[in-house]
Amino acid sequence: MKVYGEAALAAFAKKYAASRKPLQRFLAIARLAEWPHIPALKQAFPATDYAPSTGTLIFDIGGNKFRLVARVDFEEQVLYLQRVLTHEEYNREDF
């Protein structure tokens, strides 16, 4: 899987040090992944939710402490990282 948008993760990890290792783990898994569809992705990340209104996937990261919002192009095998939020920030957003 090609991953775009890692700068957003780096900036978030700089601000929230506790997110650094969980985000690194997520990236390591995602880079090696070959997900043909959402069910295959959910085998690696079972707590992932799909928001059909925005076409985004919401990954629970770090034991449900953080949310990573991304889009996946399954045909091209590209993961577009959009934003990372704390659990509290995510609860205030509308996804």
C-alpha atoms as a PDB file:
ATOM      1  CA  MET A   1       0.000   0.000   0.000  1.00  0.00           C
ATOM      2  CA  LYS A   2       1.343   3.431  -0.899  1.00  0.00           C
ATOM      3  CA  VAL A   3       0.825   5.911   1.934  1.00  0.00           C
ATOM      4  CA  TYR A   4       0.344   9.646   1.432  1.00  0.00           C
ATOM      5  CA  GLY A   5      -0.062  12.293   4.107  1.00  0.00           C
ATOM      6  CA  GLU A   6       2.476  11.096   6.637  1.00  0.00           C
ATOM      7  CA  ALA A   7       3.342  14.714   7.500  1.00  0.00           C
ATOM      8  CA  ALA A   8      -0.006  15.015   9.306  1.00  0.00           C
ATOM      9  CA  LEU A   9       0.890  12.008  11.452  1.00  0.00           C
ATOM     10  CA  ALA A  10       4.354  13.372  12.212  1.00  0.00           C
ATOM     11  CA  ALA A  11       2.913  16.724  13.279  1.00  0.00           C
ATOM     12  CA  PHE A  12       0.333  15.037  15.490  1.00  0.00           C
ATOM     13  CA  ALA A  13       2.945  12.734  17.061  1.00  0.00           C
ATOM     14  CA  LYS A  14       5.104  15.757  17.817  1.00  0.00           C
ATOM     15  CA  LYS A  15       2.198  17.352  19.681  1.00  0.00           C
ATOM     16  CA  TYR A  16       0.985  14.118  21.357  1.00  0.00           C
ATOM     17  CA  ALA A  17       4.023  12.001  22.217  1.00  0.00           C
ATOM     18  CA  ALA A  18       1.867   9.067  23.384  1.00  0.00           C
ATOM     19  CA  SER A  19       0.628   8.653  19.805  1.00  0.00           C
ATOM     20  CA  ARG A  20       4.091   8.202  18.291  1.00  0.00           C
ATOM     21  CA  LYS A  21       4.502   4.420  18.715  1.00  0.00           C
ATOM     22  CA  PRO A  22       0.895   3.507  17.836  1.00  0.00           C
ATOM     23  CA  LEU A  23       1.086   5.649  14.677  1.00  0.00           C
ATOM     24  CA  GLN A  24       4.439   4.111  13.712  1.00  0.00           C
ATOM     25  CA  ARG A  25       2.921   0.663  14.163  1.00  0.00           C
ATOM     26  CA  PHE A  26      -0.079   1.630  12.030  1.00  0.00           C
ATOM     27  CA  LEU A  27       2.203   2.908   9.254  1.00  0.00           C
ATOM     28  CA  ALA A  28       4.391  -0.202   9.338  1.00  0.00           C
ATOM     29  CA  ILE A  29       1.334  -2.437   8.900  1.00  0.00           C
ATOM     30  CA  ALA A  30      -0.273  -0.220   6.247  1.00  0.00           C
ATOM     31  CA  ARG A  31       2.865   0.034   4.107  1.00  0.00           C
ATOM     32  CA  LEU A  32       3.090  -3.757   3.859  1.00  0.00           C
ATOM     33  CA  ALA A  33      -0.631  -4.283   3.356  1.00  0.00           C
ATOM     34  CA  GLU A  34      -2.448  -5.339   0.223  1.00  0.00           C
ATOM     35  CA  TRP A  35      -6.103  -4.661   0.948  1.00  0.00           C
ATOM     36  CA  PRO A  36      -8.450  -5.487  -1.940  1.00  0.00           C
ATOM     37  CA  HIS A  37     -11.524  -4.324   0.011  1.00  0.00           C
ATOM     38  CA  ILE A  38     -12.759  -3.145   3.425  1.00  0.00           C
ATOM     39  CA  PRO A  39     -13.238  -6.648   4.897  1.00  0.00           C
ATOM     40  CA  ALA A  40      -9.543  -7.403   4.262  1.00  0.00           C
ATOM     41  CA  LEU A  41      -8.549  -4.094   5.861  1.00  0.00           C
ATOM     42  CA  LYS A  42     -10.701  -4.921   8.887  1.00  0.00           C
ATOM     43  CA  GLN A  43      -8.745  -8.139   9.388  1.00  0.00           C
ATOM     44  CA  ALA A  44      -5.702  -5.992  10.196  1.00  0.00           C
ATOM     45  CA  PHE A  45      -7.668  -3.219  11.940  1.00  0.00           C
ATOM     46  CA  PRO A  46     -10.967  -4.691  13.225  1.00  0.00           C
ATOM     47  CA  ALA A  47     -12.092  -1.517  15.011  1.00  0.00           C
ATOM     48  CA  THR A  48     -12.080   0.507  11.793  1.00  0.00           C
ATOM     49  CA  ASP A  49     -15.334   2.254  10.900  1.00  0.00           C
ATOM     50  CA  TYR A  50     -16.512   3.449   7.505  1.00  0.00           C
ATOM     51  CA  ALA A  51     -18.260   6.809   7.189  1.00  0.00           C
ATOM     52  CA  PRO A  52     -20.247   6.537   3.942  1.00  0.00           C
ATOM     53  CA  SER A  53     -21.292  10.186   3.987  1.00  0.00           C
ATOM     54  CA  THR A  54     -17.642  11.254   3.568  1.00  0.00           C
ATOM     55  CA  GLY A  55     -16.161   8.085   2.080  1.00  0.00           C
ATOM     56  CA  THR A  56     -13.591   7.937   4.849  1.00  0.00           C
ATOM     57  CA  LEU A  57     -12.323   5.245   7.138  1.00  0.00           C
ATOM     58  CA  ILE A  58     -11.822   5.967  10.824  1.00  0.00           C
ATOM     59  CA  PHE A  59      -9.111   3.891  12.474  1.00  0.00           C
ATOM     60  CA  ASP A  60      -8.927   3.530  16.254  1.00  0.00           C
ATOM     61  CA  ILE A  61      -5.270   3.999  17.178  1.00  0.00           C
ATOM     62  CA  GLY A  62      -3.471   3.528  20.466  1.00  0.00           C
ATOM     63  CA  GLY A  63      -6.100   1.621  22.373  1.00  0.00           C
ATOM     64  CA  ASN A  64      -8.953   3.917  21.333  1.00  0.00           C
ATOM     65  CA  LYS A  65      -7.092   7.076  22.417  1.00  0.00           C
ATOM     66  CA  PHE A  66      -6.694   8.471  18.889  1.00  0.00           C
ATOM     67  CA  ARG A  67      -8.591   8.447  15.596  1.00  0.00           C
ATOM     68  CA  LEU A  68      -6.952   8.418  12.206  1.00  0.00           C
ATOM     69  CA  VAL A  69      -9.163   9.547   9.333  1.00  0.00           C
ATOM     70  CA  ALA A  70      -8.171   8.309   5.881  1.00  0.00           C
ATOM     71  CA  ARG A  71      -9.369   7.308   2.456  1.00  0.00           C
ATOM     72  CA  VAL A  72      -8.277   4.167   0.663  1.00  0.00           C
ATOM     73  CA  ASP A  73      -8.170   3.555  -3.059  1.00  0.00           C
ATOM     74  CA  PHE A  74      -8.349  -0.225  -3.059  1.00  0.00           C
ATOM     75  CA  GLU A  75      -7.854  -0.525  -6.819  1.00  0.00           C
ATOM     76  CA  GLU A  76      -4.661   1.579  -6.841  1.00  0.00           C
ATOM     77  CA  GLN A  77      -3.551   0.382  -3.362  1.00  0.00           C
ATOM     78  CA  VAL A  78      -3.159   3.908  -2.002  1.00  0.00           C
ATOM     79  CA  LEU A  79      -3.878   5.106   1.530  1.00  0.00           C
ATOM     80  CA  TYR A  80      -4.521   8.843   1.880  1.00  0.00           C
ATOM     81  CA  LEU A  81      -4.074   9.967   5.478  1.00  0.00           C
ATOM     82  CA  GLN A  82      -6.244  13.005   6.149  1.00  0.00           C
ATOM     83  CA  ARG A  83      -6.087  13.786   9.849  1.00  0.00           C
ATOM     84  CA  VAL A  84      -5.408  12.423  13.278  1.00  0.00           C
ATOM     85  CA  LEU A  85      -7.495  13.400  16.276  1.00  0.00           C
ATOM     86  CA  THR A  86      -7.598  12.629  19.949  1.00  0.00           C
ATOM     87  CA  HIS A  87     -10.654  10.685  21.048  1.00  0.00           C
ATOM     88  CA  GLU A  88     -12.079  13.884  22.563  1.00  0.00           C
ATOM     89  CA  GLU A  89     -11.507  15.912  19.372  1.00  0.00           C
ATOM     90  CA  TYR A  90     -13.130  13.183  17.303  1.00  0.00           C
ATOM     91  CA  ASN A  91     -16.229  13.185  19.516  1.00  0.00           C
ATOM     92  CA  ARG A  92     -16.708  16.894  18.775  1.00  0.00           C
ATOM     93  CA  GLU A  93     -16.485  16.375  14.992  1.00  0.00           C
ATOM     94  CA  ASP A  94     -19.258  15.202  12.676  1.00  0.00           C
ATOM     95  CA  PHE A  95     -18.172  12.157  10.661  1.00  0.00           C
END
